[in-house]
Protein backbone atom coordinates (compact mmCIF):
# COMPACT_ATOMS: atom_id res chain seq x y z
CA MET A 1 -16.97 1.33 -47.36
CA CYS A 2 -15.84 4.02 -45.02
CA PRO A 3 -15.37 2.81 -41.43
CA VAL A 4 -17.45 4.49 -38.76
CA LEU A 5 -16.12 5.41 -35.33
CA ALA A 6 -18.12 4.08 -32.38
CA HIS A 7 -17.58 6.08 -29.21
CA ALA A 8 -18.17 4.81 -25.70
CA LYS A 9 -16.73 6.00 -22.44
CA GLY A 10 -13.10 4.95 -22.61
CA VAL A 11 -13.71 2.97 -25.81
CA VAL A 12 -13.05 4.01 -29.40
CA MET A 13 -13.12 1.39 -32.14
CA LEU A 14 -13.44 1.28 -35.90
CA MET A 15 -16.65 -0.11 -37.36
CA HIS A 16 -17.38 -1.36 -40.81
CA GLU A 17 -20.78 -2.44 -42.02
CA PRO A 18 -20.51 -6.26 -41.79
CA LEU A 19 -19.47 -6.01 -38.11
CA VAL A 20 -21.69 -3.13 -37.01
CA SER A 21 -23.68 -5.40 -34.68
CA TRP A 22 -20.51 -6.86 -33.15
CA ASP A 23 -18.90 -3.44 -32.71
CA ALA A 24 -21.96 -1.85 -31.13
CA ALA A 25 -22.29 -4.75 -28.69
CA ALA A 26 -18.57 -4.66 -27.83
CA ALA A 27 -18.68 -0.91 -27.15
CA ALA A 28 -21.77 -1.30 -24.94
CA TYR A 29 -20.25 -4.28 -23.11
CA LEU A 30 -16.98 -2.55 -22.31
CA THR A 31 -18.80 0.59 -21.21
CA SER A 32 -20.92 -1.47 -18.81
CA ARG A 33 -17.79 -3.12 -17.37
CA HIS A 34 -16.07 0.24 -16.92
CA ALA A 35 -19.14 1.51 -15.08
CA LEU A 36 -18.57 -1.24 -12.52
CA GLY A 37 -15.11 0.13 -11.83
CA ARG A 38 -13.20 -2.45 -13.86
CA ALA A 39 -10.42 -1.53 -16.28
CA TYR A 40 -11.02 -4.50 -18.63
CA LYS A 41 -7.96 -3.60 -20.70
CA LYS A 42 -6.96 -7.21 -21.24
CA GLU A 43 -10.52 -8.12 -22.23
CA GLU A 44 -10.66 -5.24 -24.69
CA ILE A 45 -7.46 -6.48 -26.35
CA ILE A 46 -8.88 -10.00 -26.62
CA LEU A 47 -12.16 -8.82 -28.15
CA ASN A 48 -10.25 -6.66 -30.64
CA ASN A 49 -8.20 -9.73 -31.52
CA VAL A 50 -11.39 -11.70 -32.22
CA ARG A 51 -12.69 -8.82 -34.32
CA ALA A 52 -9.51 -8.71 -36.41
CA PHE A 53 -9.87 -12.46 -36.97
CA LEU A 54 -13.46 -11.99 -38.15
CA VAL A 55 -12.41 -9.24 -40.54
CA GLN A 56 -9.66 -11.46 -41.96
CA ALA A 57 -12.15 -14.31 -42.34
CA ASP A 58 -14.61 -11.94 -44.05
CA ALA A 59 -17.24 -13.03 -41.51
CA ILE A 60 -20.20 -11.04 -40.26
CA ASP A 61 -20.29 -12.65 -36.80
CA LEU A 62 -18.86 -15.37 -34.64
CA ASP A 63 -20.04 -18.99 -34.76
CA GLN A 64 -18.75 -22.30 -33.42
CA GLN A 65 -16.52 -23.04 -36.40
CA LEU A 66 -14.95 -19.58 -36.37
CA PHE A 67 -14.52 -19.69 -32.58
CA ASP A 68 -12.64 -23.00 -32.87
CA GLN A 69 -10.47 -21.58 -35.65
CA TRP A 70 -9.74 -18.44 -33.63
CA ARG A 71 -8.56 -20.33 -30.54
CA GLU A 72 -6.64 -23.06 -32.38
CA PRO A 73 -3.35 -21.05 -32.51
CA PHE A 74 -3.49 -20.65 -28.72
CA TYR A 75 -3.34 -24.38 -27.89
CA HIS A 76 0.38 -24.19 -27.13
CA LEU A 77 -0.13 -21.51 -24.43
CA ASN A 78 -0.49 -22.34 -20.75
CA PRO A 79 -4.00 -23.28 -19.58
CA SER A 80 -4.53 -20.10 -17.55
CA THR A 81 -3.87 -17.84 -20.55
CA ARG A 82 -6.06 -19.93 -22.83
CA LEU A 83 -8.91 -19.98 -20.33
CA VAL A 84 -8.83 -16.20 -19.89
CA ARG A 85 -9.22 -15.75 -23.66
CA GLU A 86 -12.00 -18.32 -23.96
CA ARG A 87 -13.95 -17.01 -21.00
CA THR A 88 -13.60 -13.41 -22.18
CA VAL A 89 -15.37 -14.31 -25.42
CA TYR A 90 -17.92 -16.39 -23.50
CA ASN A 91 -18.77 -13.52 -21.13
CA PHE A 92 -19.15 -11.11 -24.03
CA CYS A 93 -21.41 -13.50 -25.95
CA ARG A 94 -23.49 -14.11 -22.84
CA TYR A 95 -23.89 -10.34 -22.51
CA ARG A 96 -25.11 -10.20 -26.14
CA ARG A 97 -27.65 -12.95 -25.42
CA ARG A 98 -29.59 -10.46 -23.29
CA SER A 99 -30.69 -8.61 -26.39
CA ASP A 100 -30.07 -11.22 -29.10
CA ALA A 101 -31.33 -14.70 -28.28
CA ASP A 102 -29.77 -16.09 -31.49
CA CYS A 103 -26.28 -14.86 -30.65
CA PHE A 104 -23.59 -17.57 -30.63
CA LEU A 105 -22.57 -18.70 -27.13
CA PRO A 106 -19.50 -20.92 -26.73
CA ASP A 107 -19.86 -24.12 -24.74
CA PRO A 108 -17.84 -23.65 -21.52
CA GLY A 109 -17.52 -27.42 -21.32
CA SER A 110 -15.13 -27.24 -24.26
CA PHE A 111 -12.79 -24.79 -22.52
CA VAL A 112 -9.39 -25.84 -21.30
CA ARG A 113 -9.32 -27.00 -17.69
CA LYS A 114 -6.99 -24.97 -15.52
CA PRO A 115 -4.96 -26.94 -13.00
CA PRO A 116 -5.99 -26.30 -9.38
CA ARG A 117 -4.36 -23.22 -7.91
CA PRO A 118 -1.83 -24.21 -5.27
CA LEU A 119 -2.35 -23.00 -1.73
CA PRO A 120 -0.38 -19.85 -0.89
CA THR A 121 2.90 -20.07 0.96
CA LEU A 122 2.05 -18.49 4.27
CA ILE A 123 4.69 -16.32 5.93
CA GLU A 124 5.07 -16.87 9.65
CA HIS A 125 5.97 -14.24 12.24
CA GLU A 126 9.37 -15.85 12.85
CA GLN A 127 10.14 -15.71 9.14
CA VAL A 128 9.37 -11.99 9.05
CA VAL A 129 11.80 -11.49 11.94
CA GLN A 130 14.38 -13.53 10.00
CA LEU A 131 13.75 -11.48 6.86
CA LEU A 132 14.08 -8.14 8.67
CA SER A 133 17.30 -9.33 10.29
CA TYR A 134 18.70 -10.15 6.86
CA VAL A 135 17.64 -6.78 5.47
CA SER A 136 19.40 -4.93 8.30
CA GLN A 137 22.69 -6.48 7.15
CA LEU A 138 22.39 -5.33 3.54
CA HIS A 139 24.93 -2.83 2.26
CA PRO A 140 23.44 0.20 0.48
CA LYS A 141 24.13 0.41 -3.26
CA PRO A 142 25.30 3.58 -5.04
CA HIS A 143 22.39 6.02 -5.40
CA GLU A 144 20.29 3.67 -3.20
CA GLU A 145 21.51 4.61 0.26
CA LEU A 146 18.07 4.00 1.75
CA ARG A 147 17.57 0.56 0.19
CA PRO A 148 17.73 -1.42 3.49
CA ALA A 149 15.33 1.04 5.16
CA VAL A 150 12.98 0.99 2.15
CA LEU A 151 12.85 -2.80 2.08
CA ARG A 152 12.35 -2.98 5.83
CA LEU A 153 9.35 -0.64 5.73
CA ALA A 154 7.92 -2.40 2.67
CA ILE A 155 8.06 -5.78 4.42
CA ILE A 156 6.46 -4.39 7.59
CA LEU A 157 3.63 -2.69 5.68
CA LEU A 158 2.94 -5.75 3.56
CA TYR A 159 2.85 -8.06 6.57
CA THR A 160 0.84 -5.81 8.90
CA THR A 161 -1.65 -4.28 6.44
CA GLY A 162 -2.05 -6.81 3.60
CA LEU A 163 -1.64 -4.08 0.98
CA ARG A 164 -1.57 -5.06 -2.67
CA ARG A 165 1.78 -4.68 -4.41
CA GLY A 166 0.50 -1.85 -6.62
CA GLU A 167 -1.02 -0.03 -3.67
CA LEU A 168 2.29 -0.13 -1.83
CA VAL A 169 4.50 1.17 -4.64
CA ARG A 170 2.02 3.93 -5.56
CA LEU A 171 2.00 5.46 -2.08
CA THR A 172 3.19 9.07 -2.03
CA LEU A 173 4.10 11.30 0.89
CA ALA A 174 0.67 12.92 0.62
CA ASP A 175 -0.93 9.52 1.28
CA VAL A 176 0.80 9.18 4.65
CA ASP A 177 -0.48 10.63 7.91
CA GLU A 178 2.34 9.71 10.28
CA ARG A 179 0.76 11.57 13.21
CA GLN A 180 -2.49 9.61 13.05
CA GLY A 181 -0.80 6.45 11.73
CA ILE A 182 -2.97 6.15 8.61
CA LEU A 183 -2.33 5.42 4.94
CA PHE A 184 -4.70 6.59 2.22
CA ILE A 185 -5.13 4.26 -0.77
CA HIS A 186 -6.37 6.03 -3.89
CA GLU A 187 -8.77 4.29 -6.29
CA SER A 188 -7.20 0.87 -6.21
CA LYS A 189 -8.86 -2.27 -7.57
CA PHE A 190 -12.51 -1.68 -8.56
CA HIS A 191 -11.78 2.08 -8.21
CA LYS A 192 -12.15 1.79 -4.43
CA SER A 193 -10.34 4.22 -2.12
CA ARG A 194 -9.89 3.58 1.60
CA TRP A 195 -8.08 4.56 4.78
CA VAL A 196 -5.72 1.94 6.22
CA PRO A 197 -4.93 2.42 9.94
CA LEU A 198 -1.53 1.16 11.07
CA SER A 199 -0.60 -0.68 14.24
CA SER A 200 1.43 1.28 16.78
CA SER A 201 4.62 -0.65 15.94
CA ALA A 202 4.14 -0.18 12.17
CA CYS A 203 3.49 3.52 12.74
CA ALA A 204 6.74 3.81 14.72
CA GLU A 205 8.61 2.15 11.85
CA LEU A 206 7.00 4.57 9.40
CA ARG A 207 8.08 7.62 11.42
CA LYS A 208 11.61 6.25 11.70
CA TYR A 209 11.77 5.71 7.93
CA LEU A 210 10.43 9.19 7.15
CA THR A 211 13.15 10.70 9.33
CA LEU A 212 15.83 8.73 7.46
CA ARG A 213 14.26 9.73 4.16
CA GLN A 214 14.31 13.40 5.09
CA ASP A 215 17.92 13.22 6.32
CA ALA A 216 18.91 11.67 2.96
CA GLY A 217 17.70 14.81 1.18
CA LEU A 218 15.22 13.04 -1.08
CA ASP A 219 12.30 14.77 -2.75
CA SER A 220 9.93 15.90 -0.01
CA ARG A 221 7.05 17.14 -2.15
CA ASP A 222 3.62 15.61 -1.53
CA SER A 223 3.75 13.88 -4.92
CA ALA A 224 7.09 12.15 -4.17
CA PRO A 225 7.00 8.35 -3.72
CA LEU A 226 7.08 7.00 -0.19
CA LEU A 227 9.28 4.04 -1.15
CA CYS A 228 12.23 5.12 -3.29
CA CYS A 229 14.55 3.01 -5.40
CA ALA A 230 17.54 4.35 -7.38
CA ARG A 231 17.97 8.15 -7.26
CA GLY A 232 14.68 8.60 -5.41
CA TYR A 233 12.46 7.22 -8.18
CA ALA A 234 9.36 5.18 -7.43
CA TYR A 235 9.39 1.41 -7.82
CA THR A 236 7.37 -0.15 -10.61
CA GLY A 237 5.23 -3.09 -9.61
CA ASN A 238 7.42 -5.58 -11.50
CA ALA A 239 10.68 -4.14 -10.20
CA PHE A 240 9.45 -4.35 -6.63
CA TYR A 241 8.14 -7.90 -7.16
CA HIS A 242 11.50 -9.16 -8.43
CA SER A 243 13.47 -7.28 -5.76
CA LEU A 244 11.43 -8.78 -2.95
CA LYS A 245 11.45 -12.25 -4.52
CA LYS A 246 15.26 -12.20 -4.67
CA LEU A 247 15.36 -10.99 -1.08
CA LEU A 248 13.14 -13.85 0.11
CA VAL A 249 15.33 -16.39 -1.66
CA ALA A 250 18.55 -14.86 -0.33
CA ALA A 251 17.19 -14.79 3.23
CA GLY A 252 16.19 -18.45 3.02
CA ILE A 253 12.47 -17.88 3.55
CA HIS A 254 10.50 -20.96 2.47
CA ASP A 255 7.97 -23.48 3.72
CA CYS A 256 8.50 -27.12 4.66
CA ASN A 257 8.26 -28.08 0.98
CA GLY A 258 10.94 -25.60 -0.07
CA ASN A 259 8.47 -23.16 -1.68
CA THR A 260 9.52 -19.51 -1.53
CA PRO A 261 6.65 -17.07 -0.99
CA CYS A 262 5.99 -14.15 -3.31
CA VAL A 263 4.64 -10.64 -2.72
CA GLN A 264 1.00 -11.76 -2.95
CA ASP A 265 1.59 -14.30 -0.20
CA PHE A 266 2.04 -11.44 2.28
CA ARG A 267 -1.58 -10.48 1.59
CA HIS A 268 -2.70 -14.08 2.03
CA SER A 269 -0.72 -14.33 5.27
CA PHE A 270 -2.30 -11.14 6.61
CA ALA A 271 -5.84 -12.40 5.95
CA VAL A 272 -5.21 -15.86 7.41
CA ALA A 273 -3.49 -14.37 10.48
CA ALA A 274 -6.57 -12.20 11.11
CA LEU A 275 -8.80 -15.25 10.87
CA LEU A 276 -6.61 -17.22 13.28
CA ARG A 277 -6.63 -14.36 15.81
CA TRP A 278 -10.43 -14.35 15.80
CA TYR A 279 -10.56 -18.08 16.39
CA GLU A 280 -7.97 -17.89 19.17
CA ASN A 281 -9.83 -15.00 20.85
CA ASP A 282 -13.14 -16.82 20.37
CA ASP A 283 -14.49 -13.87 18.34
CA ASP A 284 -17.41 -14.12 15.92
CA VAL A 285 -15.69 -14.79 12.59
CA GLN A 286 -18.77 -14.13 10.46
CA VAL A 287 -19.31 -10.72 12.08
CA ASN A 288 -15.67 -9.76 11.56
CA LEU A 289 -15.34 -10.84 7.90
CA PRO A 290 -16.98 -7.65 6.52
CA LYS A 291 -14.48 -5.60 8.54
CA LEU A 292 -11.60 -7.53 6.98
CA ALA A 293 -13.11 -7.07 3.51
CA LEU A 294 -13.34 -3.31 4.08
CA TYR A 295 -9.78 -3.09 5.40
CA MET A 296 -8.37 -5.06 2.45
CA GLY A 297 -10.31 -3.05 -0.13
CA HIS A 298 -12.60 -5.82 -1.34
CA VAL A 299 -15.99 -5.28 -2.94
CA SER A 300 -17.54 -7.94 -0.71
CA ILE A 301 -16.61 -10.82 1.60
CA ILE A 302 -16.79 -13.11 -1.46
CA SER A 303 -13.48 -11.62 -2.59
CA THR A 304 -12.09 -11.94 0.93
CA ALA A 305 -13.03 -15.62 1.03
CA TYR A 306 -10.50 -16.26 -1.75
CA TYR A 307 -7.75 -15.52 0.77
CA LEU A 308 -9.28 -17.75 3.44
CA ARG A 309 -9.25 -21.10 1.71
CA LEU A 310 -8.90 -24.22 3.82
CA MET A 311 -5.44 -23.77 5.24
CA PRO A 312 -4.37 -26.47 7.72
CA ALA A 313 -4.16 -24.09 10.70
CA VAL A 314 -7.59 -22.63 9.91
CA ILE A 315 -9.13 -26.10 9.58
CA GLU A 316 -7.80 -27.06 13.02
CA HIS A 317 -9.27 -24.00 14.74
CA ALA A 318 -12.57 -24.26 12.89
CA SER A 319 -12.84 -27.95 13.78
CA LYS A 320 -12.25 -27.25 17.48
CA ARG A 321 -14.92 -24.55 17.51
CA PHE A 322 -17.36 -26.85 15.71
CA GLU A 323 -16.61 -29.59 18.25
CA ARG A 324 -17.33 -27.25 21.18
CA SER A 325 -20.59 -26.12 19.64
CA CYS A 326 -21.93 -29.40 18.29
CA ALA A 327 -20.26 -32.20 20.26
CA GLU A 328 -23.43 -32.89 22.25
CA VAL A 329 -25.50 -33.26 19.09
CA LEU A 330 -22.94 -35.51 17.43
CA GLU A 331 -22.50 -37.75 20.46
CA GLY A 332 -26.15 -37.96 21.53
CA GLY A 333 -27.79 -37.81 18.14
CA ILE A 334 -30.75 -35.71 17.11
CA SER A 335 -33.91 -36.43 19.08
């Protein structure tokens, strides 16, 4: 039989008659996810992998036996990877259940259990000073004369704004308003754009870097990258990640357990530092959380809460505030 093309916004897949129901549901599901501002590229690859398995098995739909056979070759992978694949199929099948009550739905109790995510390695102010001191001693490489200045600005922006790695490396000169001290982030995660105001000290560092960049004769067009690596090209996310990771190791930045932070830990550190400032200033944390969510580009404070897990310093401040507010009730009892 001739395959039929199913078109959805951003989705094109081949259909053949035995899997018409599966294909139509997959196209509708991915379209609905895209409408929420989610790329879902990884999920699309996983669902196409399941489809190819069904075609090879000459099956018309997924059931428990086929699901177990499909995931069996993945048992050697790490738990996080396996869980992403299992939950992707589960979420798709749950979506199908809305219109097809008889659709197969995997039992989430059978999924691999992911080990608990370790707490982030928070970066302290003194460590940032130590890191910047180390960067200032670096010798520029051929075709990377601005490397020390680039790394210095990157560290300052990560620590003072909590930008995501991708947001930082995608910044262009057009996204920078040095006079007002503002960065513009274009359609980042969940397709959200936002303005990110800078502190006065970070703005001064930005102006200093832009002067050095101009003096070096690098591309000054609006589309040129703010942070340049070799020959003025933009960093890729992976290249920047590995460069900064090596820098942290070389500078001896680690916690009391010897753990070296990574790029994402700057974002964690920014969020936790904001929370600690509110506690120390006796501000209303609940009122300020939506402001932090907006600044960090989150859809809601639920996403922000991920960065504010029970860190020891936060627990101490929260406990002291609770004691001030409720000590009388705890000591005297409830009448």
